[in-house]
Amino acid sequence: MISDSQPVPVAPNNPPEKDLRSMREEELRQVMESGKDQLEREAALQMVLEQKRLDEEGKAKQAAQKLEIDREEKHEHTKKFRTVRLMSEKEIAADKERQKKLEEREAERRKKHEKELKKQNEYFHDLRLAAGSRIAREHKENELKKLIESERKKATRELDAAVAVATEKERLAGQDIEQEVRARKSLIDIDTRAALYKWEAEERMKTQELESEMHRRLSEIQEQEKTAYEQQRKKASLELMMRSKHRHVESEMTGKKQAIEAEDRRKRASVDTEAQERRRESARDRQHVIRLAEQHYGDHLNDIAREYVTKHYDRKV
């Protein structure tokens, strides 16, 4: 401690107060002369300092609020603690009994849970084994189904091929039949035209004979009969007779033409009948081949089914 009688030491290098004031004024003057940039920097600095002050005040308020909350919670905890201590021994014993029962129930629950968990694990283990067996069985069955399906498709293709061959054979036979029908009917047409040509020639000949006879007899009447009356009478009788002959010739020639046409129809019908029978025979051949192919197809499918049962169930059928 320094006594009043001892002098206060003074630093020899400290400038007088007046000089310090002069120096600060000089610095202030220099700052003021630094211009607009310096003022802006100072303004920014003031804003930073102000923001920092506000932040510190906010933190201080939060700390005070937290301290107040802590005091209230501590007070509330103390009240609860005192309340608990004021409980009667009976209530404490009852609480302990309840706690004991809760612990016993919890132990029983855990024991039961462990038992159920063990049972569940065993069940899932059995499920995994069954699933593995099922997957293997399904894999075997799928492979077998693929094989069976492949065989079935092969049998179907064989059936389709047999049907196609039989159908094509019937079609070609039908073409041959149609060609033969056309050829035979063409020959019938030639025969019929030849017969009609002969018929037309015969009709012309008979008609010419009647006309010649008519002219000859008219000449005879004119030579033999001198009177016009007799000539007219005999001409009328001659015309009546010649008309009768004409009708007879027409009837005869019509009958011959109808016979030629009937023969033409008979021959054509015979050709059509034979062709139809040949078509039916070709169709029967096709159906017979298809029935054999279908029977083979059915037998093949039965063999496939038996093979499936044998391989799937490991037993013969």
C-alpha atoms as a PDB file:
ATOM      1  CA  MET A   1       0.000   0.000   0.000  1.00  0.00           C
ATOM      2  CA  ILE A   2       1.347   3.452  -0.907  1.00  0.00           C
ATOM      3  CA  SER A   3       1.371   6.069   1.881  1.00  0.00           C
ATOM      4  CA  ASP A   4       0.279   9.618   1.403  1.00  0.00           C
ATOM      5  CA  SER A   5       3.815  10.892   2.132  1.00  0.00           C
ATOM      6  CA  GLN A   6       5.325   9.005  -0.813  1.00  0.00           C
ATOM      7  CA  PRO A   7       5.265  10.746  -4.180  1.00  0.00           C
ATOM      8  CA  VAL A   8       3.328   9.112  -7.071  1.00  0.00           C
ATOM      9  CA  PRO A   9       5.708   7.996  -9.792  1.00  0.00           C
ATOM     10  CA  VAL A  10       5.024   9.451 -13.226  1.00  0.00           C
ATOM     11  CA  ALA A  11       6.093   7.875 -16.408  1.00  0.00           C
ATOM     12  CA  PRO A  12       8.657  10.049 -18.001  1.00  0.00           C
ATOM     13  CA  ASN A  13       7.525   9.323 -21.584  1.00  0.00           C
ATOM     14  CA  ASN A  14       3.780  10.087 -21.085  1.00  0.00           C
ATOM     15  CA  PRO A  15       2.823  13.278 -22.982  1.00  0.00           C
ATOM     16  CA  PRO A  16       0.880  15.968 -21.196  1.00  0.00           C
ATOM     17  CA  GLU A  17      -2.930  15.823 -21.303  1.00  0.00           C
ATOM     18  CA  LYS A  18      -3.027  18.771 -23.618  1.00  0.00           C
ATOM     19  CA  ASP A  19      -0.798  17.045 -26.074  1.00  0.00           C
ATOM     20  CA  LEU A  20      -2.928  13.889 -25.952  1.00  0.00           C
ATOM     21  CA  ARG A  21      -5.998  15.916 -26.701  1.00  0.00           C
ATOM     22  CA  SER A  22      -4.233  17.499 -29.621  1.00  0.00           C
ATOM     23  CA  MET A  23      -3.246  14.131 -30.928  1.00  0.00           C
ATOM     24  CA  ARG A  24      -6.814  12.808 -30.749  1.00  0.00           C
ATOM     25  CA  GLU A  25      -8.102  15.863 -32.512  1.00  0.00           C
ATOM     26  CA  GLU A  26      -5.513  15.350 -35.199  1.00  0.00           C
ATOM     27  CA  GLU A  27      -6.537  11.731 -35.625  1.00  0.00           C
ATOM     28  CA  LEU A  28     -10.173  12.775 -35.739  1.00  0.00           C
ATOM     29  CA  ARG A  29      -9.364  15.311 -38.377  1.00  0.00           C
ATOM     30  CA  GLN A  30      -7.574  12.688 -40.431  1.00  0.00           C
ATOM     31  CA  VAL A  31     -10.494  10.336 -40.090  1.00  0.00           C
ATOM     32  CA  MET A  32     -12.876  13.047 -41.199  1.00  0.00           C
ATOM     33  CA  GLU A  33     -10.642  13.779 -44.113  1.00  0.00           C
ATOM     34  CA  SER A  34     -10.474  10.123 -45.184  1.00  0.00           C
ATOM     35  CA  GLY A  35     -13.588  10.668 -47.222  1.00  0.00           C
ATOM     36  CA  LYS A  36     -16.682   8.828 -48.102  1.00  0.00           C
ATOM     37  CA  ASP A  37     -15.136   5.314 -47.999  1.00  0.00           C
ATOM     38  CA  GLN A  38     -14.106   5.666 -44.396  1.00  0.00           C
ATOM     39  CA  LEU A  39     -17.614   6.807 -43.380  1.00  0.00           C
ATOM     40  CA  GLU A  40     -19.132   3.833 -45.129  1.00  0.00           C
ATOM     41  CA  ARG A  41     -16.750   1.480 -43.353  1.00  0.00           C
ATOM     42  CA  GLU A  42     -17.613   3.075 -40.029  1.00  0.00           C
ATOM     43  CA  ALA A  43     -21.336   2.773 -40.774  1.00  0.00           C
ATOM     44  CA  ALA A  44     -20.887  -0.893 -41.593  1.00  0.00           C
ATOM     45  CA  LEU A  45     -18.875  -1.388 -38.458  1.00  0.00           C
ATOM     46  CA  GLN A  46     -21.600   0.306 -36.402  1.00  0.00           C
ATOM     47  CA  MET A  47     -24.198  -1.991 -37.944  1.00  0.00           C
ATOM     48  CA  VAL A  48     -22.120  -5.042 -37.080  1.00  0.00           C
ATOM     49  CA  LEU A  49     -21.601  -3.863 -33.538  1.00  0.00           C
ATOM     50  CA  GLU A  50     -25.298  -3.073 -33.176  1.00  0.00           C
ATOM     51  CA  GLN A  51     -26.259  -6.519 -34.468  1.00  0.00           C
ATOM     52  CA  LYS A  52     -23.763  -8.130 -32.114  1.00  0.00           C
ATOM     53  CA  ARG A  53     -25.252  -6.168 -29.204  1.00  0.00           C
ATOM     54  CA  LEU A  54     -28.756  -7.278 -30.134  1.00  0.00           C
ATOM     55  CA  ASP A  55     -27.604 -10.902 -30.394  1.00  0.00           C
ATOM     56  CA  GLU A  56     -25.975 -10.737 -26.976  1.00  0.00           C
ATOM     57  CA  GLU A  57     -29.107  -9.201 -25.480  1.00  0.00           C
ATOM     58  CA  GLY A  58     -31.193 -11.988 -27.029  1.00  0.00           C
ATOM     59  CA  LYS A  59     -28.900 -14.646 -25.644  1.00  0.00           C
ATOM     60  CA  ALA A  60     -29.030 -13.002 -22.251  1.00  0.00           C
ATOM     61  CA  LYS A  61     -32.829 -13.002 -22.320  1.00  0.00           C
ATOM     62  CA  GLN A  62     -32.889 -16.677 -23.334  1.00  0.00           C
ATOM     63  CA  ALA A  63     -30.472 -17.562 -20.527  1.00  0.00           C
ATOM     64  CA  ALA A  64     -32.623 -15.674 -18.028  1.00  0.00           C
ATOM     65  CA  GLN A  65     -35.761 -17.423 -19.258  1.00  0.00           C
ATOM     66  CA  LYS A  66     -34.060 -20.814 -19.041  1.00  0.00           C
ATOM     67  CA  LEU A  67     -32.869 -20.038 -15.516  1.00  0.00           C
ATOM     68  CA  GLU A  68     -36.418 -19.128 -14.515  1.00  0.00           C
ATOM     69  CA  ILE A  69     -37.801 -22.336 -16.066  1.00  0.00           C
ATOM     70  CA  ASP A  70     -35.161 -24.409 -14.288  1.00  0.00           C
ATOM     71  CA  ARG A  71     -36.079 -22.800 -10.966  1.00  0.00           C
ATOM     72  CA  GLU A  72     -39.773 -23.559 -11.544  1.00  0.00           C
ATOM     73  CA  GLU A  73     -39.046 -27.158 -12.513  1.00  0.00           C
ATOM     74  CA  LYS A  74     -36.808 -27.616  -9.479  1.00  0.00           C
ATOM     75  CA  HIS A  75     -39.501 -26.151  -7.272  1.00  0.00           C
ATOM     76  CA  GLU A  76     -42.117 -28.464  -8.799  1.00  0.00           C
ATOM     77  CA  HIS A  77     -39.812 -31.452  -8.378  1.00  0.00           C
ATOM     78  CA  THR A  78     -39.267 -30.522  -4.725  1.00  0.00           C
ATOM     79  CA  LYS A  79     -43.018 -30.324  -4.188  1.00  0.00           C
ATOM     80  CA  LYS A  80     -43.520 -33.736  -5.747  1.00  0.00           C
ATOM     81  CA  PHE A  81     -40.714 -35.178  -3.677  1.00  0.00           C
ATOM     82  CA  ARG A  82     -42.242 -33.796  -0.511  1.00  0.00           C
ATOM     83  CA  THR A  83     -45.649 -35.155  -1.527  1.00  0.00           C
ATOM     84  CA  VAL A  84     -44.207 -38.605  -2.052  1.00  0.00           C
ATOM     85  CA  ARG A  85     -42.483 -38.534   1.312  1.00  0.00           C
ATOM     86  CA  LEU A  86     -45.779 -37.590   2.896  1.00  0.00           C
ATOM     87  CA  MET A  87     -47.466 -40.739   1.568  1.00  0.00           C
ATOM     88  CA  SER A  88     -48.481 -43.183   4.215  1.00  0.00           C
ATOM     89  CA  GLU A  89     -46.672 -46.450   4.765  1.00  0.00           C
ATOM     90  CA  LYS A  90     -49.772 -48.279   3.605  1.00  0.00           C
ATOM     91  CA  GLU A  91     -49.791 -46.461   0.277  1.00  0.00           C
ATOM     92  CA  ILE A  92     -46.068 -47.159  -0.130  1.00  0.00           C
ATOM     93  CA  ALA A  93     -46.639 -50.859   0.623  1.00  0.00           C
ATOM     94  CA  ALA A  94     -49.586 -50.961  -1.788  1.00  0.00           C
ATOM     95  CA  ASP A  95     -47.438 -49.304  -4.414  1.00  0.00           C
ATOM     96  CA  LYS A  96     -44.689 -51.858  -3.849  1.00  0.00           C
ATOM     97  CA  GLU A  97     -47.264 -54.667  -4.128  1.00  0.00           C
ATOM     98  CA  ARG A  98     -48.563 -53.257  -7.373  1.00  0.00           C
ATOM     99  CA  GLN A  99     -45.031 -52.927  -8.652  1.00  0.00           C
ATOM    100  CA  LYS A 100     -44.324 -56.531  -7.688  1.00  0.00           C
ATOM    101  CA  LYS A 101     -47.443 -57.730  -9.481  1.00  0.00           C
ATOM    102  CA  LEU A 102     -46.490 -55.691 -12.523  1.00  0.00           C
ATOM    103  CA  GLU A 103     -43.059 -57.270 -12.515  1.00  0.00           C
ATOM    104  CA  GLU A 104     -44.564 -60.738 -12.156  1.00  0.00           C
ATOM    105  CA  ARG A 105     -46.970 -60.099 -15.021  1.00  0.00           C
ATOM    106  CA  GLU A 106     -44.124 -58.723 -17.101  1.00  0.00           C
ATOM    107  CA  ALA A 107     -42.032 -61.831 -16.358  1.00  0.00           C
ATOM    108  CA  GLU A 108     -44.978 -64.057 -17.266  1.00  0.00           C
ATOM    109  CA  ARG A 109     -45.537 -62.068 -20.441  1.00  0.00           C
ATOM    110  CA  ARG A 110     -41.862 -62.376 -21.420  1.00  0.00           C
ATOM    111  CA  LYS A 111     -41.959 -66.108 -20.717  1.00  0.00           C
ATOM    112  CA  LYS A 112     -45.102 -66.501 -22.795  1.00  0.00           C
ATOM    113  CA  HIS A 113     -43.619 -64.336 -25.541  1.00  0.00           C
ATOM    114  CA  GLU A 114     -40.445 -66.418 -25.607  1.00  0.00           C
ATOM    115  CA  LYS A 115     -42.517 -69.590 -25.825  1.00  0.00           C
ATOM    116  CA  GLU A 116     -44.602 -68.162 -28.665  1.00  0.00           C
ATOM    117  CA  LEU A 117     -41.458 -66.893 -30.391  1.00  0.00           C
ATOM    118  CA  LYS A 118     -39.894 -70.359 -30.169  1.00  0.00           C
ATOM    119  CA  LYS A 119     -43.058 -71.926 -31.538  1.00  0.00           C
ATOM    120  CA  GLN A 120     -43.168 -69.320 -34.295  1.00  0.00           C
ATOM    121  CA  ASN A 121     -39.538 -69.982 -35.214  1.00  0.00           C
ATOM    122  CA  GLU A 122     -40.247 -73.693 -35.421  1.00  0.00           C
ATOM    123  CA  TYR A 123     -43.277 -72.965 -37.584  1.00  0.00           C
ATOM    124  CA  PHE A 124     -41.264 -70.749 -39.917  1.00  0.00           C
ATOM    125  CA  HIS A 125     -38.545 -73.383 -40.052  1.00  0.00           C
ATOM    126  CA  ASP A 126     -41.130 -75.943 -41.132  1.00  0.00           C
ATOM    127  CA  LEU A 127     -42.480 -73.437 -43.643  1.00  0.00           C
ATOM    128  CA  ARG A 128     -39.011 -72.907 -45.113  1.00  0.00           C
ATOM    129  CA  LEU A 129     -38.524 -76.643 -45.414  1.00  0.00           C
ATOM    130  CA  ALA A 130     -41.968 -77.032 -46.996  1.00  0.00           C
ATOM    131  CA  ALA A 131     -41.300 -74.070 -49.297  1.00  0.00           C
ATOM    132  CA  GLY A 132     -38.017 -75.581 -50.391  1.00  0.00           C
ATOM    133  CA  SER A 133     -39.715 -78.884 -51.088  1.00  0.00           C
ATOM    134  CA  ARG A 134     -42.582 -77.115 -52.847  1.00  0.00           C
ATOM    135  CA  ILE A 135     -40.188 -75.070 -54.982  1.00  0.00           C
ATOM    136  CA  ALA A 136     -38.301 -78.205 -55.981  1.00  0.00           C
ATOM    137  CA  ARG A 137     -41.587 -79.945 -56.751  1.00  0.00           C
ATOM    138  CA  GLU A 138     -42.849 -76.977 -58.742  1.00  0.00           C
ATOM    139  CA  HIS A 139     -39.578 -76.791 -60.655  1.00  0.00           C
ATOM    140  CA  LYS A 140     -39.843 -80.476 -61.505  1.00  0.00           C
ATOM    141  CA  GLU A 141     -43.482 -80.051 -62.474  1.00  0.00           C
ATOM    142  CA  ASN A 142     -42.723 -76.996 -64.637  1.00  0.00           C
ATOM    143  CA  GLU A 143     -39.941 -78.834 -66.450  1.00  0.00           C
ATOM    144  CA  LEU A 144     -42.254 -81.785 -66.938  1.00  0.00           C
ATOM    145  CA  LYS A 145     -45.022 -79.515 -68.212  1.00  0.00           C
ATOM    146  CA  LYS A 146     -42.604 -77.985 -70.717  1.00  0.00           C
ATOM    147  CA  LEU A 147     -41.656 -81.447 -71.943  1.00  0.00           C
ATOM    148  CA  ILE A 148     -45.293 -82.550 -72.142  1.00  0.00           C
ATOM    149  CA  GLU A 149     -46.282 -79.328 -73.922  1.00  0.00           C
ATOM    150  CA  SER A 150     -43.451 -79.803 -76.408  1.00  0.00           C
ATOM    151  CA  GLU A 151     -44.617 -83.360 -77.119  1.00  0.00           C
ATOM    152  CA  ARG A 152     -48.221 -82.190 -77.429  1.00  0.00           C
ATOM    153  CA  LYS A 153     -47.250 -79.479 -79.912  1.00  0.00           C
ATOM    154  CA  LYS A 154     -45.237 -82.022 -81.872  1.00  0.00           C
ATOM    155  CA  ALA A 155     -48.242 -84.364 -82.025  1.00  0.00           C
ATOM    156  CA  THR A 156     -50.457 -81.450 -83.069  1.00  0.00           C
ATOM    157  CA  ARG A 157     -48.052 -80.501 -85.853  1.00  0.00           C
ATOM    158  CA  GLU A 158     -48.055 -84.109 -87.077  1.00  0.00           C
ATOM    159  CA  LEU A 159     -51.863 -84.131 -87.089  1.00  0.00           C
ATOM    160  CA  ASP A 160     -52.020 -80.791 -88.908  1.00  0.00           C
ATOM    161  CA  ALA A 161     -49.499 -82.044 -91.477  1.00  0.00           C
ATOM    162  CA  ALA A 162     -51.499 -85.242 -92.090  1.00  0.00           C
ATOM    163  CA  VAL A 163     -54.718 -83.245 -92.472  1.00  0.00           C
ATOM    164  CA  ALA A 164     -52.985 -80.818 -94.837  1.00  0.00           C
ATOM    165  CA  VAL A 165     -51.610 -83.669 -96.987  1.00  0.00           C
ATOM    166  CA  ALA A 166     -55.007 -85.396 -97.146  1.00  0.00           C
ATOM    167  CA  THR A 167     -56.754 -82.117 -97.974  1.00  0.00           C
ATOM    168  CA  GLU A 168     -54.240 -81.296-100.686  1.00  0.00           C
ATOM    169  CA  LYS A 169     -54.610 -84.770-102.152  1.00  0.00           C
ATOM    170  CA  GLU A 170     -58.391 -84.316-102.263  1.00  0.00           C
ATOM    171  CA  ARG A 171     -57.970 -80.900-103.884  1.00  0.00           C
ATOM    172  CA  LEU A 172     -55.673 -82.289-106.590  1.00  0.00           C
ATOM    173  CA  ALA A 173     -58.056 -85.185-107.167  1.00  0.00           C
ATOM    174  CA  GLY A 174     -60.871 -82.673-107.508  1.00  0.00           C
ATOM    175  CA  GLN A 175     -58.873 -80.779-110.119  1.00  0.00           C
ATOM    176  CA  ASP A 176     -58.257 -84.006-112.072  1.00  0.00           C
ATOM    177  CA  ILE A 177     -61.944 -84.838-111.888  1.00  0.00           C
ATOM    178  CA  GLU A 178     -62.935 -81.374-113.132  1.00  0.00           C
ATOM    179  CA  GLN A 179     -60.479 -81.592-116.016  1.00  0.00           C
ATOM    180  CA  GLU A 180     -61.809 -85.032-116.988  1.00  0.00           C
ATOM    181  CA  VAL A 181     -65.391 -83.787-116.746  1.00  0.00           C
ATOM    182  CA  ARG A 182     -64.611 -80.861-119.029  1.00  0.00           C
ATOM    183  CA  ALA A 183     -62.836 -83.162-121.508  1.00  0.00           C
ATOM    184  CA  ARG A 184     -65.678 -85.722-121.606  1.00  0.00           C
ATOM    185  CA  LYS A 185     -68.335 -83.015-121.916  1.00  0.00           C
ATOM    186  CA  SER A 186     -66.334 -81.470-124.726  1.00  0.00           C
ATOM    187  CA  LEU A 187     -66.506 -84.820-126.568  1.00  0.00           C
ATOM    188  CA  ILE A 188     -70.236 -84.980-125.844  1.00  0.00           C
ATOM    189  CA  ASP A 189     -70.603 -81.486-127.300  1.00  0.00           C
ATOM    190  CA  ILE A 190     -68.818 -82.640-130.463  1.00  0.00           C
ATOM    191  CA  ASP A 191     -71.025 -85.712-130.790  1.00  0.00           C
ATOM    192  CA  THR A 192     -74.184 -83.686-130.160  1.00  0.00           C
ATOM    193  CA  ARG A 193     -73.232 -80.999-132.685  1.00  0.00           C
ATOM    194  CA  ALA A 194     -72.492 -83.714-135.248  1.00  0.00           C
ATOM    195  CA  ALA A 195     -75.856 -85.354-134.584  1.00  0.00           C
ATOM    196  CA  LEU A 196     -77.658 -82.006-134.846  1.00  0.00           C
ATOM    197  CA  TYR A 197     -75.799 -81.267-138.080  1.00  0.00           C
ATOM    198  CA  LYS A 198     -77.010 -84.563-139.521  1.00  0.00           C
ATOM    199  CA  TRP A 199     -80.487 -83.815-138.194  1.00  0.00           C
ATOM    200  CA  GLU A 200     -80.521 -80.391-139.870  1.00  0.00           C
ATOM    201  CA  ALA A 201     -79.328 -81.945-143.129  1.00  0.00           C
ATOM    202  CA  GLU A 202     -82.047 -84.594-142.970  1.00  0.00           C
ATOM    203  CA  GLU A 203     -84.663 -81.931-142.143  1.00  0.00           C
ATOM    204  CA  ARG A 204     -83.598 -79.838-145.136  1.00  0.00           C
ATOM    205  CA  MET A 205     -83.614 -82.892-147.390  1.00  0.00           C
ATOM    206  CA  LYS A 206     -87.118 -83.943-146.343  1.00  0.00           C
ATOM    207  CA  THR A 207     -88.375 -80.386-146.686  1.00  0.00           C
ATOM    208  CA  GLN A 208     -86.856 -80.125-150.156  1.00  0.00           C
ATOM    209  CA  GLU A 209     -88.406 -83.487-151.118  1.00  0.00           C
ATOM    210  CA  LEU A 210     -91.841 -82.232-150.055  1.00  0.00           C
ATOM    211  CA  GLU A 211     -91.374 -79.012-151.977  1.00  0.00           C
ATOM    212  CA  SER A 212     -90.226 -80.936-155.061  1.00  0.00           C
ATOM    213  CA  GLU A 213     -93.209 -83.255-154.789  1.00  0.00           C
ATOM    214  CA  MET A 214     -95.497 -80.253-154.481  1.00  0.00           C
ATOM    215  CA  HIS A 215     -94.105 -78.611-157.604  1.00  0.00           C
ATOM    216  CA  ARG A 216     -94.188 -81.864-159.531  1.00  0.00           C
ATOM    217  CA  ARG A 217     -97.805 -82.585-158.667  1.00  0.00           C
ATOM    218  CA  LEU A 218     -98.897 -79.037-159.417  1.00  0.00           C
ATOM    219  CA  SER A 219     -97.355 -79.392-162.841  1.00  0.00           C
ATOM    220  CA  GLU A 220     -99.181 -82.655-163.385  1.00  0.00           C
ATOM    221  CA  ILE A 221    -102.517 -81.095-162.366  1.00  0.00           C
ATOM    222  CA  GLN A 222    -102.004 -78.227-164.781  1.00  0.00           C
ATOM    223  CA  GLU A 223    -101.164 -80.634-167.584  1.00  0.00           C
ATOM    224  CA  GLN A 224    -103.920 -83.142-166.909  1.00  0.00           C
ATOM    225  CA  GLU A 225    -106.816 -80.867-165.985  1.00  0.00           C
ATOM    226  CA  LYS A 226    -108.031 -78.425-168.564  1.00  0.00           C
ATOM    227  CA  THR A 227    -110.665 -76.647-166.543  1.00  0.00           C
ATOM    228  CA  ALA A 228    -109.820 -74.148-163.905  1.00  0.00           C
ATOM    229  CA  TYR A 229    -112.350 -75.617-161.526  1.00  0.00           C
ATOM    230  CA  GLU A 230    -110.739 -79.044-161.551  1.00  0.00           C
ATOM    231  CA  GLN A 231    -107.294 -77.519-161.199  1.00  0.00           C
ATOM    232  CA  GLN A 232    -108.374 -75.526-158.152  1.00  0.00           C
ATOM    233  CA  ARG A 233    -110.102 -78.530-156.609  1.00  0.00           C
ATOM    234  CA  LYS A 234    -107.084 -80.796-157.062  1.00  0.00           C
ATOM    235  CA  LYS A 235    -104.686 -78.052-155.883  1.00  0.00           C
ATOM    236  CA  ALA A 236    -106.710 -77.691-152.672  1.00  0.00           C
ATOM    237  CA  SER A 237    -106.637 -81.426-152.165  1.00  0.00           C
ATOM    238  CA  LEU A 238    -102.906 -81.476-152.873  1.00  0.00           C
ATOM    239  CA  GLU A 239    -102.195 -78.641-150.445  1.00  0.00           C
ATOM    240  CA  LEU A 240    -104.159 -80.432-147.747  1.00  0.00           C
ATOM    241  CA  MET A 241    -102.179 -83.609-148.336  1.00  0.00           C
ATOM    242  CA  MET A 242     -98.839 -81.770-148.400  1.00  0.00           C
ATOM    243  CA  ARG A 243     -99.629 -79.960-145.136  1.00  0.00           C
ATOM    244  CA  SER A 244    -100.263 -83.334-143.558  1.00  0.00           C
ATOM    245  CA  LYS A 245     -96.930 -84.606-144.854  1.00  0.00           C
ATOM    246  CA  HIS A 246     -95.193 -81.463-143.582  1.00  0.00           C
ATOM    247  CA  ARG A 247     -96.676 -82.025-140.118  1.00  0.00           C
ATOM    248  CA  HIS A 248     -95.565 -85.639-140.193  1.00  0.00           C
ATOM    249  CA  VAL A 249     -92.019 -84.655-141.185  1.00  0.00           C
ATOM    250  CA  GLU A 250     -91.925 -81.919-138.543  1.00  0.00           C
ATOM    251  CA  SER A 251     -93.114 -84.329-135.883  1.00  0.00           C
ATOM    252  CA  GLU A 252     -90.568 -86.909-136.978  1.00  0.00           C
ATOM    253  CA  MET A 253     -87.696 -84.426-137.016  1.00  0.00           C
ATOM    254  CA  THR A 254     -88.765 -82.893-133.698  1.00  0.00           C
ATOM    255  CA  GLY A 255     -88.710 -86.348-132.145  1.00  0.00           C
ATOM    256  CA  LYS A 256     -85.243 -86.996-133.555  1.00  0.00           C
ATOM    257  CA  LYS A 257     -83.956 -83.648-132.234  1.00  0.00           C
ATOM    258  CA  GLN A 258     -85.443 -84.303-128.822  1.00  0.00           C
ATOM    259  CA  ALA A 259     -83.795 -87.723-128.833  1.00  0.00           C
ATOM    260  CA  ILE A 260     -80.434 -86.108-129.670  1.00  0.00           C
ATOM    261  CA  GLU A 261     -80.875 -83.552-126.874  1.00  0.00           C
ATOM    262  CA  ALA A 262     -81.997 -86.233-124.427  1.00  0.00           C
ATOM    263  CA  GLU A 263     -78.946 -88.310-125.268  1.00  0.00           C
ATOM    264  CA  ASP A 264     -76.785 -85.236-124.705  1.00  0.00           C
ATOM    265  CA  ARG A 265     -78.358 -84.675-121.288  1.00  0.00           C
ATOM    266  CA  ARG A 266     -78.038 -88.363-120.393  1.00  0.00           C
ATOM    267  CA  LYS A 267     -74.353 -88.423-121.281  1.00  0.00           C
ATOM    268  CA  ARG A 268     -73.700 -85.204-119.331  1.00  0.00           C
ATOM    269  CA  ALA A 269     -75.633 -86.485-116.330  1.00  0.00           C
ATOM    270  CA  SER A 270     -73.658 -89.713-116.461  1.00  0.00           C
ATOM    271  CA  VAL A 271     -70.404 -87.760-116.484  1.00  0.00           C
ATOM    272  CA  ASP A 272     -71.598 -85.595-113.557  1.00  0.00           C
ATOM    273  CA  THR A 273     -72.752 -88.666-111.624  1.00  0.00           C
ATOM    274  CA  GLU A 274     -69.448 -90.429-112.088  1.00  0.00           C
ATOM    275  CA  ALA A 275     -67.555 -87.259-111.164  1.00  0.00           C
ATOM    276  CA  GLN A 276     -69.684 -86.774-108.044  1.00  0.00           C
ATOM    277  CA  GLU A 277     -69.061 -90.360-107.004  1.00  0.00           C
ATOM    278  CA  ARG A 278     -65.331 -89.904-107.518  1.00  0.00           C
ATOM    279  CA  ARG A 279     -65.445 -86.697-105.450  1.00  0.00           C
ATOM    280  CA  ARG A 280     -67.261 -88.523-102.658  1.00  0.00           C
ATOM    281  CA  GLU A 281     -64.694 -91.318-102.832  1.00  0.00           C
ATOM    282  CA  SER A 282     -61.877 -88.763-102.633  1.00  0.00           C
ATOM    283  CA  ALA A 283     -63.586 -87.129 -99.659  1.00  0.00           C
ATOM    284  CA  ARG A 284     -63.958 -90.542 -97.986  1.00  0.00           C
ATOM    285  CA  ASP A 285     -60.261 -91.190 -98.546  1.00  0.00           C
ATOM    286  CA  ARG A 286     -59.417 -87.847 -96.991  1.00  0.00           C
ATOM    287  CA  GLN A 287     -61.680 -88.465 -93.999  1.00  0.00           C
ATOM    288  CA  HIS A 288     -60.196 -91.941 -93.559  1.00  0.00           C
ATOM    289  CA  VAL A 289     -56.661 -90.544 -93.527  1.00  0.00           C
ATOM    290  CA  ILE A 290     -57.717 -87.797 -91.083  1.00  0.00           C
ATOM    291  CA  ARG A 291     -59.422 -90.324 -88.798  1.00  0.00           C
ATOM    292  CA  LEU A 292     -56.256 -92.411 -88.721  1.00  0.00           C
ATOM    293  CA  ALA A 293     -54.200 -89.287 -87.993  1.00  0.00           C
ATOM    294  CA  GLU A 294     -56.619 -88.217 -85.251  1.00  0.00           C
ATOM    295  CA  GLN A 295     -56.539 -91.704 -83.758  1.00  0.00           C
ATOM    296  CA  HIS A 296     -52.753 -91.595 -83.779  1.00  0.00           C
ATOM    297  CA  TYR A 297     -52.928 -88.115 -82.249  1.00  0.00           C
ATOM    298  CA  GLY A 298     -55.236 -89.335 -79.472  1.00  0.00           C
ATOM    299  CA  ASP A 299     -52.998 -92.321 -78.758  1.00  0.00           C
ATOM    300  CA  HIS A 300     -50.002 -90.012 -78.627  1.00  0.00           C
ATOM    301  CA  LEU A 301     -51.779 -87.708 -76.171  1.00  0.00           C
ATOM    302  CA  ASN A 302     -52.655 -90.703 -73.993  1.00  0.00           C
ATOM    303  CA  ASP A 303     -49.016 -91.765 -74.039  1.00  0.00           C
ATOM    304  CA  ILE A 304     -48.030 -88.226 -73.056  1.00  0.00           C
ATOM    305  CA  ALA A 305     -50.562 -88.239 -70.187  1.00  0.00           C
ATOM    306  CA  ARG A 306     -49.290 -91.588 -68.925  1.00  0.00           C
ATOM    307  CA  GLU A 307     -45.717 -90.325 -69.136  1.00  0.00           C
ATOM    308  CA  TYR A 308     -46.713 -87.229 -67.159  1.00  0.00           C
ATOM    309  CA  VAL A 309     -48.356 -89.283 -64.406  1.00  0.00           C
ATOM    310  CA  THR A 310     -45.399 -91.677 -64.300  1.00  0.00           C
ATOM    311  CA  LYS A 311     -42.815 -88.945 -63.980  1.00  0.00           C
ATOM    312  CA  HIS A 312     -44.874 -86.641 -61.770  1.00  0.00           C
ATOM    313  CA  TYR A 313     -46.053 -89.225 -59.261  1.00  0.00           C
ATOM    314  CA  ASP A 314     -43.162 -91.658 -59.740  1.00  0.00           C
ATOM    315  CA  ARG A 315     -45.506 -94.517 -60.533  1.00  0.00           C
ATOM    316  CA  LYS A 316     -46.573 -96.356 -63.645  1.00  0.00           C
ATOM    317  CA  VAL A 317     -50.072 -96.172 -65.098  1.00  0.00           C
END
